[in-house]
Every structure is written in C-alpha cells, then in structure tokens.
N, C-alpha and C. Protein backbone atom coordinates (compact mmCIF):
# COMPACT_ATOMS: atom_id res chain seq x y z
N MET A 1 154.58 141.04 63.99
CA MET A 1 154.42 141.26 62.49
C MET A 1 153.12 140.51 61.96
N ILE A 2 152.94 139.40 62.54
CA ILE A 2 151.74 138.60 62.22
C ILE A 2 150.47 139.50 62.39
N LYS A 3 150.42 140.11 63.66
CA LYS A 3 149.26 140.87 63.99
C LYS A 3 149.04 142.06 63.00
N LEU A 4 150.21 142.65 62.59
CA LEU A 4 150.20 143.78 61.71
C LEU A 4 149.57 143.28 60.30
N LEU A 5 150.09 142.20 59.86
CA LEU A 5 149.66 141.78 58.48
C LEU A 5 148.37 141.06 58.51
N ALA A 6 147.87 140.66 59.65
CA ALA A 6 146.56 140.10 59.60
C ALA A 6 145.49 141.08 59.63
N SER A 7 145.74 142.31 59.81
CA SER A 7 144.82 143.43 59.76
C SER A 7 145.09 144.35 58.46
N LEU A 8 144.11 144.40 57.63
CA LEU A 8 144.27 145.30 56.40
C LEU A 8 144.51 146.68 56.85
N SER A 9 143.70 147.24 57.78
CA SER A 9 143.89 148.61 58.17
C SER A 9 145.34 148.93 58.88
N LYS A 10 145.78 148.02 59.66
CA LYS A 10 147.10 148.12 60.17
C LYS A 10 148.12 147.98 59.09
N THR A 11 147.97 147.06 58.12
CA THR A 11 148.99 146.97 57.02
C THR A 11 148.99 148.33 56.24
N ILE A 12 147.90 148.86 55.88
CA ILE A 12 147.81 150.11 55.14
C ILE A 12 148.40 151.25 55.92
N HIS A 13 148.14 151.32 57.27
CA HIS A 13 148.63 152.40 58.01
C HIS A 13 150.26 152.26 58.07
N ALA A 14 150.64 150.94 58.20
CA ALA A 14 152.11 150.83 58.24
C ALA A 14 152.80 151.17 56.95
N SER A 15 152.04 150.84 55.83
CA SER A 15 152.64 151.19 54.49
C SER A 15 152.76 152.72 54.47
N PHE A 16 151.71 153.41 54.83
CA PHE A 16 151.78 154.88 54.81
C PHE A 16 152.85 155.44 55.70
N ALA A 17 153.11 154.88 56.83
CA ALA A 17 154.17 155.16 57.69
C ALA A 17 155.55 155.06 57.07
N ILE A 18 155.72 153.86 56.40
CA ILE A 18 157.12 153.65 55.72
C ILE A 18 157.32 154.67 54.59
N THR A 19 156.13 154.95 53.91
CA THR A 19 156.14 155.91 52.78
C THR A 19 156.46 157.31 53.28
N ILE A 20 155.99 157.76 54.51
CA ILE A 20 156.20 159.03 54.98
C ILE A 20 157.74 159.03 55.39
N LEU A 21 158.24 157.96 56.10
CA LEU A 21 159.65 157.88 56.38
C LEU A 21 160.51 158.12 55.14
N LEU A 22 160.16 157.34 54.23
CA LEU A 22 160.97 157.46 52.81
C LEU A 22 160.86 158.78 52.24
N PHE A 23 159.73 159.48 52.34
CA PHE A 23 159.50 160.82 51.90
C PHE A 23 160.43 161.79 52.57
N LEU A 24 160.48 161.69 53.96
CA LEU A 24 161.34 162.55 54.79
C LEU A 24 162.81 162.27 54.49
N LEU A 25 163.20 161.02 54.37
CA LEU A 25 164.55 160.70 54.04
C LEU A 25 165.03 161.21 52.78
N LEU A 26 164.15 161.03 51.66
CA LEU A 26 164.54 161.59 50.34
C LEU A 26 164.60 163.16 50.27
N PHE A 27 163.60 163.70 50.84
CA PHE A 27 163.64 165.13 50.93
C PHE A 27 164.74 165.71 51.75
N PHE A 28 165.17 165.00 52.84
CA PHE A 28 166.37 165.47 53.54
C PHE A 28 167.55 165.31 52.81
N LEU A 29 167.75 164.24 51.99
CA LEU A 29 168.91 164.06 51.13
C LEU A 29 168.96 164.95 49.97
N ASN A 30 167.79 165.54 49.60
CA ASN A 30 167.58 166.39 48.52
C ASN A 30 167.98 167.87 49.00
N GLY A 31 168.17 168.11 50.33
CA GLY A 31 168.42 169.38 50.88
C GLY A 31 167.28 170.11 51.46
N GLY A 32 166.29 169.38 51.72
CA GLY A 32 165.13 170.03 52.42
C GLY A 32 163.84 170.16 51.73
N PHE A 33 162.84 170.81 52.26
CA PHE A 33 161.49 170.99 51.64
C PHE A 33 161.36 172.27 50.95
N VAL A 34 160.84 172.14 49.79
CA VAL A 34 160.40 173.46 49.06
C VAL A 34 159.09 173.09 48.58
N PHE A 35 158.00 173.76 49.17
CA PHE A 35 156.62 173.46 48.76
C PHE A 35 156.26 174.39 47.59
N ASP A 36 156.97 173.98 46.46
CA ASP A 36 156.72 174.72 45.17
C ASP A 36 155.83 173.88 44.27
N VAL A 37 155.62 174.29 42.98
CA VAL A 37 154.84 173.71 42.02
C VAL A 37 155.39 172.22 41.73
N SER A 38 156.61 172.04 41.84
CA SER A 38 157.27 170.78 41.56
C SER A 38 156.77 169.76 42.65
N PHE A 39 156.85 170.20 43.92
CA PHE A 39 156.50 169.37 45.05
C PHE A 39 154.93 168.92 44.91
N TRP A 40 154.13 169.89 44.70
CA TRP A 40 152.58 169.60 44.53
C TRP A 40 152.32 168.70 43.25
N SER A 41 153.01 168.93 42.28
CA SER A 41 153.01 168.09 41.07
C SER A 41 153.34 166.61 41.40
N TRP A 42 154.48 166.50 42.07
CA TRP A 42 154.94 165.05 42.47
C TRP A 42 153.91 164.40 43.40
N LEU A 43 153.38 165.19 44.42
CA LEU A 43 152.45 164.60 45.42
C LEU A 43 151.15 164.27 44.65
N CYS A 44 150.58 165.10 43.75
CA CYS A 44 149.44 164.79 43.02
C CYS A 44 149.63 163.61 42.07
N ARG A 45 150.89 163.50 41.45
CA ARG A 45 151.10 162.40 40.55
C ARG A 45 151.11 161.11 41.40
N PHE A 46 151.66 161.11 42.58
CA PHE A 46 151.72 159.94 43.59
C PHE A 46 150.36 159.49 43.80
N VAL A 47 149.50 160.42 44.25
CA VAL A 47 148.05 160.02 44.57
C VAL A 47 147.34 159.57 43.26
N HIS A 48 147.57 160.24 42.11
CA HIS A 48 147.04 159.76 40.87
C HIS A 48 147.35 158.29 40.49
N VAL A 49 148.66 157.98 40.73
CA VAL A 49 149.09 156.66 40.38
C VAL A 49 148.59 155.62 41.32
N ILE A 50 148.38 155.97 42.58
CA ILE A 50 147.79 155.01 43.59
C ILE A 50 146.41 154.64 43.15
N PHE A 51 145.58 155.65 42.90
CA PHE A 51 144.18 155.45 42.60
C PHE A 51 144.05 154.59 41.18
N ALA A 52 144.97 155.09 40.34
CA ALA A 52 144.97 154.37 38.90
C ALA A 52 145.24 152.85 39.14
N ILE A 53 146.31 152.63 39.94
CA ILE A 53 146.57 151.10 40.17
C ILE A 53 145.40 150.30 40.63
N MET A 54 144.70 150.97 41.65
CA MET A 54 143.61 150.35 42.24
C MET A 54 142.45 150.20 41.17
N TRP A 55 142.09 151.12 40.38
CA TRP A 55 141.23 151.14 39.37
C TRP A 55 141.49 150.07 38.24
N ILE A 56 142.64 150.25 37.69
CA ILE A 56 142.99 149.18 36.55
C ILE A 56 143.19 147.85 37.11
N GLY A 57 143.75 147.74 38.34
CA GLY A 57 143.92 146.34 38.87
C GLY A 57 142.63 145.72 39.11
N LEU A 58 141.61 146.43 39.50
CA LEU A 58 140.30 145.82 39.72
C LEU A 58 139.59 145.52 38.37
N LEU A 59 139.67 146.52 37.34
CA LEU A 59 139.29 146.15 36.08
C LEU A 59 139.81 144.83 35.48
N TRP A 60 141.10 144.72 35.64
CA TRP A 60 141.74 143.47 35.14
C TRP A 60 141.31 142.29 36.08
N TYR A 61 141.17 142.50 37.30
CA TYR A 61 140.70 141.39 38.10
C TYR A 61 139.29 140.94 37.60
N PHE A 62 138.32 141.88 37.33
CA PHE A 62 137.09 141.46 36.86
C PHE A 62 137.23 140.66 35.53
N ASN A 63 138.03 141.25 34.68
CA ASN A 63 138.14 140.61 33.28
C ASN A 63 138.91 139.36 33.15
N PHE A 64 140.10 139.31 33.97
CA PHE A 64 140.87 138.22 33.78
C PHE A 64 140.60 136.97 34.76
N VAL A 65 139.84 137.44 35.90
CA VAL A 65 139.76 136.33 36.95
C VAL A 65 138.18 136.16 37.19
N GLN A 66 137.41 137.07 37.55
CA GLN A 66 136.05 136.91 37.95
C GLN A 66 135.17 136.52 36.87
N ILE A 67 135.11 137.24 35.83
CA ILE A 67 134.13 137.06 34.69
C ILE A 67 134.49 135.66 34.02
N PRO A 68 135.70 135.32 33.70
CA PRO A 68 136.06 134.05 33.00
C PRO A 68 135.68 132.78 33.85
N ASN A 69 135.72 133.00 35.24
CA ASN A 69 135.61 131.84 36.12
C ASN A 69 134.29 131.72 36.79
N MET A 70 133.40 132.69 36.53
CA MET A 70 132.02 132.53 37.15
C MET A 70 131.26 131.28 36.78
N GLY A 71 131.45 130.86 35.47
CA GLY A 71 130.87 129.63 35.00
C GLY A 71 131.36 128.32 35.76
N LYS A 72 132.59 128.46 36.25
CA LYS A 72 133.14 127.17 36.91
C LYS A 72 132.68 127.09 38.38
N ILE A 73 132.12 128.17 38.92
CA ILE A 73 131.72 128.18 40.34
C ILE A 73 130.31 127.52 40.52
N PRO A 74 130.22 126.46 41.42
CA PRO A 74 128.93 125.89 41.63
C PRO A 74 127.90 126.86 42.02
N ASP A 75 126.62 126.65 41.55
CA ASP A 75 125.57 127.64 41.80
C ASP A 75 125.26 128.01 43.29
N ASP A 76 125.58 127.01 44.10
CA ASP A 76 125.35 127.28 45.58
C ASP A 76 126.41 128.18 46.18
N GLN A 77 127.59 128.32 45.37
CA GLN A 77 128.64 129.17 45.91
C GLN A 77 128.58 130.61 45.27
N LYS A 78 127.79 130.67 44.21
CA LYS A 78 127.77 132.03 43.50
C LYS A 78 127.25 133.12 44.32
N PRO A 79 126.34 133.02 45.21
CA PRO A 79 125.94 134.13 46.09
C PRO A 79 127.12 134.76 46.85
N ALA A 80 128.16 134.06 47.23
CA ALA A 80 129.25 134.70 47.93
C ALA A 80 130.01 135.66 47.10
N ILE A 81 130.04 135.40 45.78
CA ILE A 81 130.62 136.40 44.78
C ILE A 81 129.64 137.51 44.59
N GLY A 82 128.43 137.20 44.27
CA GLY A 82 127.43 138.28 43.99
C GLY A 82 127.05 139.19 45.18
N LYS A 83 127.00 138.59 46.31
CA LYS A 83 126.45 139.35 47.39
C LYS A 83 127.56 140.01 48.24
N VAL A 84 128.80 139.42 48.22
CA VAL A 84 129.93 139.97 49.11
C VAL A 84 131.03 140.50 48.32
N ILE A 85 131.73 139.65 47.49
CA ILE A 85 132.90 140.00 46.87
C ILE A 85 132.79 141.03 45.77
N ALA A 86 131.86 140.82 44.85
CA ALA A 86 131.60 141.73 43.71
C ALA A 86 131.12 143.18 44.19
N PRO A 87 130.19 143.16 45.01
CA PRO A 87 129.91 144.64 45.53
C PRO A 87 131.03 145.44 46.21
N ALA A 88 131.80 144.70 47.00
CA ALA A 88 132.98 145.30 47.62
C ALA A 88 133.93 145.81 46.58
N ALA A 89 134.30 144.88 45.63
CA ALA A 89 135.19 145.24 44.59
C ALA A 89 134.65 146.43 43.77
N LEU A 90 133.40 146.39 43.47
CA LEU A 90 132.75 147.49 42.68
C LEU A 90 132.87 148.82 43.45
N PHE A 91 132.75 148.85 44.72
CA PHE A 91 132.81 150.11 45.57
C PHE A 91 134.18 150.73 45.29
N TYR A 92 135.25 149.93 45.49
CA TYR A 92 136.57 150.40 45.32
C TYR A 92 136.91 150.73 43.78
N PHE A 93 136.28 149.97 42.92
CA PHE A 93 136.49 150.15 41.52
C PHE A 93 135.97 151.49 41.09
N ARG A 94 134.78 151.87 41.50
CA ARG A 94 134.06 153.07 40.98
C ARG A 94 134.74 154.23 41.62
N TRP A 95 135.02 154.31 42.87
CA TRP A 95 135.66 155.33 43.55
C TRP A 95 137.11 155.62 43.18
N ALA A 96 137.86 154.59 42.89
CA ALA A 96 139.16 154.61 42.44
C ALA A 96 139.20 155.30 40.92
N ALA A 97 138.13 154.92 40.10
CA ALA A 97 138.01 155.62 38.83
C ALA A 97 137.74 157.07 38.97
N LEU A 98 136.92 157.48 39.87
CA LEU A 98 136.60 158.87 40.03
C LEU A 98 137.85 159.66 40.54
N PHE A 99 138.43 159.15 41.60
CA PHE A 99 139.55 159.89 42.09
C PHE A 99 140.84 159.75 41.22
N THR A 100 140.96 158.82 40.38
CA THR A 100 141.97 158.88 39.36
C THR A 100 141.84 160.04 38.39
N ILE A 101 140.54 160.23 37.91
CA ILE A 101 140.28 161.27 37.02
C ILE A 101 140.38 162.62 37.70
N ILE A 102 139.84 162.82 38.82
CA ILE A 102 140.09 164.14 39.60
C ILE A 102 141.54 164.40 39.80
N SER A 103 142.30 163.49 40.40
CA SER A 103 143.75 163.72 40.58
C SER A 103 144.47 163.93 39.31
N GLY A 104 144.16 163.32 38.18
CA GLY A 104 144.71 163.56 36.96
C GLY A 104 144.51 164.89 36.43
N LEU A 105 143.34 165.44 36.46
CA LEU A 105 142.98 166.74 36.14
C LEU A 105 143.61 167.82 36.97
N ILE A 106 143.70 167.69 38.30
CA ILE A 106 144.52 168.43 39.10
C ILE A 106 145.98 168.56 38.72
N LEU A 107 146.54 167.36 38.43
CA LEU A 107 147.84 167.29 38.07
C LEU A 107 148.11 168.03 36.77
N ALA A 108 147.32 167.91 35.74
CA ALA A 108 147.32 168.58 34.57
C ALA A 108 147.27 170.08 34.82
N LEU A 109 146.42 170.60 35.73
CA LEU A 109 146.23 172.00 35.94
C LEU A 109 147.59 172.55 36.63
N ILE A 110 148.07 171.74 37.60
CA ILE A 110 149.19 172.22 38.31
C ILE A 110 150.40 172.41 37.34
N ASN A 111 150.55 171.35 36.38
CA ASN A 111 151.66 171.41 35.46
C ASN A 111 151.38 172.31 34.28
N GLY A 112 150.31 173.08 34.29
CA GLY A 112 149.85 173.84 33.16
C GLY A 112 149.56 173.39 31.71
N TYR A 113 149.25 172.19 31.68
CA TYR A 113 148.91 171.63 30.28
C TYR A 113 147.44 171.19 30.25
N LEU A 114 146.61 171.52 31.24
CA LEU A 114 145.29 170.94 31.23
C LEU A 114 144.48 171.47 29.88
N HIS A 115 144.55 172.74 29.55
CA HIS A 115 143.86 173.14 28.32
C HIS A 115 144.28 172.42 27.06
N ASP A 116 145.68 172.40 26.85
CA ASP A 116 146.17 171.72 25.66
C ASP A 116 145.74 170.33 25.61
N ALA A 117 145.89 169.59 26.83
CA ALA A 117 145.55 168.16 26.81
C ALA A 117 144.08 167.90 26.66
N MET A 118 143.24 168.67 27.29
CA MET A 118 141.68 168.42 27.11
C MET A 118 141.30 168.78 25.66
N THR A 119 141.90 169.73 25.07
CA THR A 119 141.46 170.14 23.74
C THR A 119 142.23 169.42 22.67
N LEU A 120 143.11 168.48 23.09
CA LEU A 120 143.94 167.74 22.15
C LEU A 120 144.59 168.74 21.14
N SER A 121 145.14 169.75 21.68
CA SER A 121 145.83 170.83 20.89
C SER A 121 146.95 170.42 20.08
N PHE A 122 146.78 169.79 18.97
CA PHE A 122 147.89 169.46 18.07
C PHE A 122 148.66 170.71 17.68
N SER A 123 147.88 171.77 17.49
CA SER A 123 148.55 173.07 16.96
C SER A 123 149.46 173.71 18.01
N SER A 124 149.49 173.31 19.27
CA SER A 124 150.38 173.80 20.29
C SER A 124 151.77 173.25 20.00
N GLY A 125 151.91 172.22 19.20
CA GLY A 125 153.26 171.73 18.93
C GLY A 125 153.97 170.98 20.11
N VAL A 126 153.14 170.61 21.03
CA VAL A 126 153.78 169.88 22.21
C VAL A 126 153.17 168.50 22.23
N PRO A 127 154.01 167.54 21.51
CA PRO A 127 153.49 166.13 21.50
C PRO A 127 153.12 165.47 22.94
N LYS A 128 153.85 165.87 23.86
CA LYS A 128 153.69 165.37 25.30
C LYS A 128 152.24 165.65 25.69
N HIS A 129 151.72 166.93 25.53
CA HIS A 129 150.51 167.36 25.86
C HIS A 129 149.37 166.65 25.02
N THR A 130 149.61 166.38 23.75
CA THR A 130 148.68 165.73 22.93
C THR A 130 148.57 164.23 23.42
N ALA A 131 149.65 163.59 23.74
CA ALA A 131 149.61 162.22 24.21
C ALA A 131 148.91 162.06 25.47
N ILE A 132 149.23 162.98 26.44
CA ILE A 132 148.63 162.88 27.67
C ILE A 132 147.14 163.22 27.55
N GLY A 133 146.80 164.09 26.68
CA GLY A 133 145.37 164.47 26.39
C GLY A 133 144.60 163.25 25.91
N ILE A 134 145.21 162.53 24.91
CA ILE A 134 144.45 161.36 24.49
C ILE A 134 144.27 160.32 25.64
N GLY A 135 145.39 160.18 26.47
CA GLY A 135 145.18 159.29 27.65
C GLY A 135 144.05 159.74 28.54
N MET A 136 144.01 161.14 28.83
CA MET A 136 143.13 161.72 29.73
C MET A 136 141.65 161.47 29.12
N TRP A 137 141.32 161.69 27.84
CA TRP A 137 140.08 161.42 27.31
C TRP A 137 139.66 159.93 27.37
N LEU A 138 140.67 159.00 27.05
CA LEU A 138 140.34 157.55 27.30
C LEU A 138 140.03 157.29 28.70
N GLY A 139 140.70 157.84 29.66
CA GLY A 139 140.35 157.58 31.04
C GLY A 139 139.00 158.17 31.42
N ILE A 140 138.69 159.37 30.83
CA ILE A 140 137.33 159.96 31.15
C ILE A 140 136.24 159.05 30.64
N ILE A 141 136.47 158.63 29.31
CA ILE A 141 135.49 157.69 28.73
C ILE A 141 135.33 156.54 29.65
N MET A 142 136.35 155.91 30.05
CA MET A 142 136.31 154.74 30.94
C MET A 142 135.73 155.00 32.29
N ALA A 143 135.88 156.06 32.84
CA ALA A 143 135.40 156.35 34.19
C ALA A 143 133.79 156.63 33.95
N PHE A 144 133.42 157.28 32.79
CA PHE A 144 132.02 157.39 32.48
C PHE A 144 131.39 156.11 32.43
N ASN A 145 132.02 155.23 31.70
CA ASN A 145 131.46 153.83 31.59
C ASN A 145 131.31 153.18 32.89
N VAL A 146 132.21 153.41 33.81
CA VAL A 146 132.17 152.82 35.20
C VAL A 146 130.96 153.24 35.99
N TRP A 147 130.75 154.61 35.96
CA TRP A 147 129.71 155.15 36.78
C TRP A 147 128.35 155.17 36.15
N PHE A 148 128.31 155.30 34.86
CA PHE A 148 126.96 155.52 34.23
C PHE A 148 126.42 154.29 33.44
N VAL A 149 127.31 153.35 33.24
CA VAL A 149 126.89 152.09 32.46
C VAL A 149 127.14 150.85 33.40
N ILE A 150 128.46 150.63 33.72
CA ILE A 150 128.76 149.33 34.44
C ILE A 150 128.04 149.28 35.78
N TRP A 151 128.25 150.30 36.70
CA TRP A 151 127.69 150.29 37.94
C TRP A 151 126.17 150.19 38.00
N PRO A 152 125.40 150.94 37.22
CA PRO A 152 123.97 150.83 37.22
C PRO A 152 123.47 149.51 36.79
N ASN A 153 124.23 148.82 35.76
CA ASN A 153 123.73 147.54 35.35
C ASN A 153 124.23 146.43 36.32
N GLN A 154 125.35 146.61 36.96
CA GLN A 154 125.84 145.69 37.98
C GLN A 154 124.94 145.60 39.07
N LYS A 155 124.31 146.86 39.47
CA LYS A 155 123.32 146.86 40.63
C LYS A 155 122.16 145.89 40.34
N ARG A 156 121.68 146.01 39.04
CA ARG A 156 120.55 145.08 38.60
C ARG A 156 121.12 143.60 38.55
N ALA A 157 122.16 143.46 38.08
CA ALA A 157 122.80 142.08 37.80
C ALA A 157 122.96 141.37 39.17
N LEU A 158 123.39 142.10 40.20
CA LEU A 158 123.75 141.62 41.45
C LEU A 158 122.62 141.51 42.35
N GLY A 159 121.43 142.05 41.98
CA GLY A 159 120.25 142.03 42.82
C GLY A 159 120.34 143.24 43.92
N ILE A 160 121.17 144.13 43.72
CA ILE A 160 121.17 145.35 44.64
C ILE A 160 119.98 146.18 44.34
N VAL A 161 119.60 146.24 43.12
CA VAL A 161 118.27 146.84 42.69
C VAL A 161 117.31 145.64 42.11
N GLU A 162 116.17 145.66 42.62
CA GLU A 162 115.30 144.61 42.26
C GLU A 162 114.81 144.74 40.78
N CYS A 163 114.77 143.76 40.02
CA CYS A 163 114.35 143.68 38.57
C CYS A 163 113.95 142.30 38.21
N ASP A 164 113.26 142.18 37.05
CA ASP A 164 112.84 140.85 36.65
C ASP A 164 114.15 140.08 36.01
N SER A 165 114.06 138.72 35.91
CA SER A 165 115.14 138.00 35.49
C SER A 165 115.72 138.29 34.14
N GLU A 166 114.78 138.74 33.22
CA GLU A 166 115.23 139.04 31.93
C GLU A 166 116.07 140.25 31.96
N LEU A 167 115.69 141.31 32.63
CA LEU A 167 116.45 142.64 32.73
C LEU A 167 117.76 142.32 33.53
N LYS A 168 117.70 141.44 34.48
CA LYS A 168 118.94 141.00 35.29
C LYS A 168 119.95 140.51 34.25
N ALA A 169 119.53 139.50 33.54
CA ALA A 169 120.51 138.93 32.51
C ALA A 169 120.99 139.99 31.45
N LYS A 170 120.18 140.82 30.91
CA LYS A 170 120.53 141.80 30.07
C LYS A 170 121.58 142.82 30.73
N SER A 171 121.20 143.09 31.91
CA SER A 171 122.15 144.04 32.66
C SER A 171 123.50 143.45 32.93
N ALA A 172 123.58 142.22 33.26
CA ALA A 172 124.87 141.46 33.40
C ALA A 172 125.63 141.53 32.20
N LYS A 173 125.01 141.22 30.93
CA LYS A 173 125.72 141.23 29.68
C LYS A 173 126.24 142.71 29.34
N THR A 174 125.39 143.63 29.59
CA THR A 174 125.75 145.06 29.26
C THR A 174 127.01 145.50 30.10
N ALA A 175 126.90 145.14 31.50
CA ALA A 175 128.00 145.59 32.30
C ALA A 175 129.27 144.78 31.85
N MET A 176 129.18 143.48 31.55
CA MET A 176 130.36 142.73 31.04
C MET A 176 130.91 143.44 29.66
N LEU A 177 129.99 143.77 28.80
CA LEU A 177 130.45 144.33 27.52
C LEU A 177 131.26 145.74 27.74
N PHE A 178 130.68 146.51 28.68
CA PHE A 178 131.33 147.79 28.87
C PHE A 178 132.59 147.67 29.72
N SER A 179 132.62 146.62 30.59
CA SER A 179 133.78 146.27 31.32
C SER A 179 134.88 145.82 30.27
N ARG A 180 134.57 145.10 29.26
CA ARG A 180 135.45 144.68 28.36
C ARG A 180 135.99 145.83 27.37
N THR A 181 135.09 146.75 27.16
CA THR A 181 135.36 148.02 26.50
C THR A 181 136.46 148.75 27.16
N ASN A 182 136.31 148.88 28.57
CA ASN A 182 137.32 149.55 29.31
C ASN A 182 138.57 148.75 29.30
N THR A 183 138.49 147.45 29.35
CA THR A 183 139.77 146.65 29.16
C THR A 183 140.44 146.96 27.90
N LEU A 184 139.65 147.03 26.78
CA LEU A 184 140.19 147.32 25.41
C LEU A 184 140.92 148.75 25.39
N LEU A 185 140.32 149.68 26.12
CA LEU A 185 140.92 151.07 26.26
C LEU A 185 142.06 151.15 27.18
N SER A 186 142.17 150.29 28.06
CA SER A 186 143.11 150.38 29.19
C SER A 186 144.58 150.40 28.81
N LEU A 187 145.00 149.54 27.86
CA LEU A 187 146.23 149.68 27.29
C LEU A 187 146.70 150.82 26.46
N PRO A 188 145.75 151.18 25.59
CA PRO A 188 146.11 152.49 24.87
C PRO A 188 146.21 153.70 25.89
N MET A 189 145.39 153.68 26.86
CA MET A 189 145.34 154.83 27.83
C MET A 189 146.59 154.71 28.57
N LEU A 190 147.08 153.65 29.09
CA LEU A 190 148.33 153.51 29.79
C LEU A 190 149.49 153.90 28.96
N PHE A 191 149.45 153.45 27.68
CA PHE A 191 150.56 153.62 26.74
C PHE A 191 150.73 155.20 26.60
N THR A 192 149.64 155.89 26.24
CA THR A 192 149.76 157.31 26.02
C THR A 192 150.18 158.07 27.27
N MET A 193 149.75 157.65 28.52
CA MET A 193 150.17 158.34 29.68
C MET A 193 151.68 158.16 29.86
N ILE A 194 152.21 156.96 29.67
CA ILE A 194 153.61 156.72 29.87
C ILE A 194 154.51 157.29 28.76
N ALA A 195 153.91 157.15 27.51
CA ALA A 195 154.66 157.74 26.42
C ALA A 195 154.89 159.27 26.50
N ALA A 196 153.83 159.94 27.06
CA ALA A 196 154.01 161.23 27.27
C ALA A 196 155.13 161.76 28.16
N GLN A 197 155.64 160.88 29.10
CA GLN A 197 156.68 161.21 29.91
C GLN A 197 158.03 161.29 29.11
N ASN A 198 158.02 160.64 27.88
CA ASN A 198 159.25 160.63 27.09
C ASN A 198 159.14 161.49 25.88
N LEU A 199 158.12 162.33 25.84
CA LEU A 199 157.88 163.23 24.63
C LEU A 199 158.12 164.69 25.14
N TYR A 200 158.33 165.50 24.15
CA TYR A 200 158.66 166.97 24.57
C TYR A 200 157.66 167.85 24.02
C-alpha cells in the first residue's frame, strides 16, 4: 500500500480502477448497460466535474495559499515556487480550465440545452437552462482569463519569457488581479451550475 501511495501515477491508476469497479457494480445493480443519451450525459458530467474540481481547486490554491504567502517566503527560497511549483500548477490549471469548458459544452449539447444556455434564452421559459447558461458564460469568461491574460502574464512574471523587471512586476500584478477576478466569479458560477439542477 505504501508503494502505491508513494507514486502519484500508481495512486491515480488505482483510483480509476476503483471507479471502474464501482461503475460496473452500480450498472449491474441497475440492470445492465444501456449506452443511451442518459449514459453519455452521465459520463460527460463526471468528466466535467473532475476537470472543474482541478481547475477551481488550483484557482483557490493560488488565491488562498500561494499569493497571500509569497511575501512570507525568504527570497532565497522563492525560486522553488517560481521555477518549479507555480509552472507545474499553471500547467494543470490552464488545461483543466479548457477541458472543463469543452466537456461542459458537450454535456449541454448531449442534453439538448446548448442553444438555450448559450443564448441565455429567457424566452424559452426554462429557468434551468438560463441558470446553467449564466454559469457557462461565467466559466467561459474565466477560461478566457486563464488562457489569454493570466497565463501570458505569468510567463513573464515567472521568467519563462524574458522581459525587463518593470514589465515583470506589471505582469505579476495583472496576473494576480485577473486571478482574483476569476475567484470573484467562481462562487456565482458554481452557484448557477448547482442551482440549475434544482430548477425546471
């Protein structure tokens, strides 16, 4: 067990194996497999939630842990954050954002509410679709910020892209402000996504 847990890849593979066993058990108890729209909707929602947890978890890590504590770290130790931890976290952060959006759009398409949600079709008379649409647009704005504002500025702030010290400081501030903007939008986005499940 220690060897399993000492390796992240082995831990993740074991987690997937347990998930597949539970999947088989639950579908066996449910009377078998039917690869219909309901099945694909469920599978896509599962994938969507996995990526969303990684994305928002890392967003909150940056804003609740890393940014507030950077000033407390001695200067000689800061390169470990800037050269190792932050780039790795930003890799998972930006790809989780992208795959959250893609899987969410596929989920909306499978379930037949993509158009109503994306157009915020209040006239359709389906509050669920309006709520999920608001959440989808907030998520799209947040993902745009990740890819086109936060990541380019973080590359300069972390020294991945060479620039002068003034631009580096300005980029760090811009990345932080847009990261905070995403934190501001994260609770309304999560609220509308969850609220939509209880609306008709």
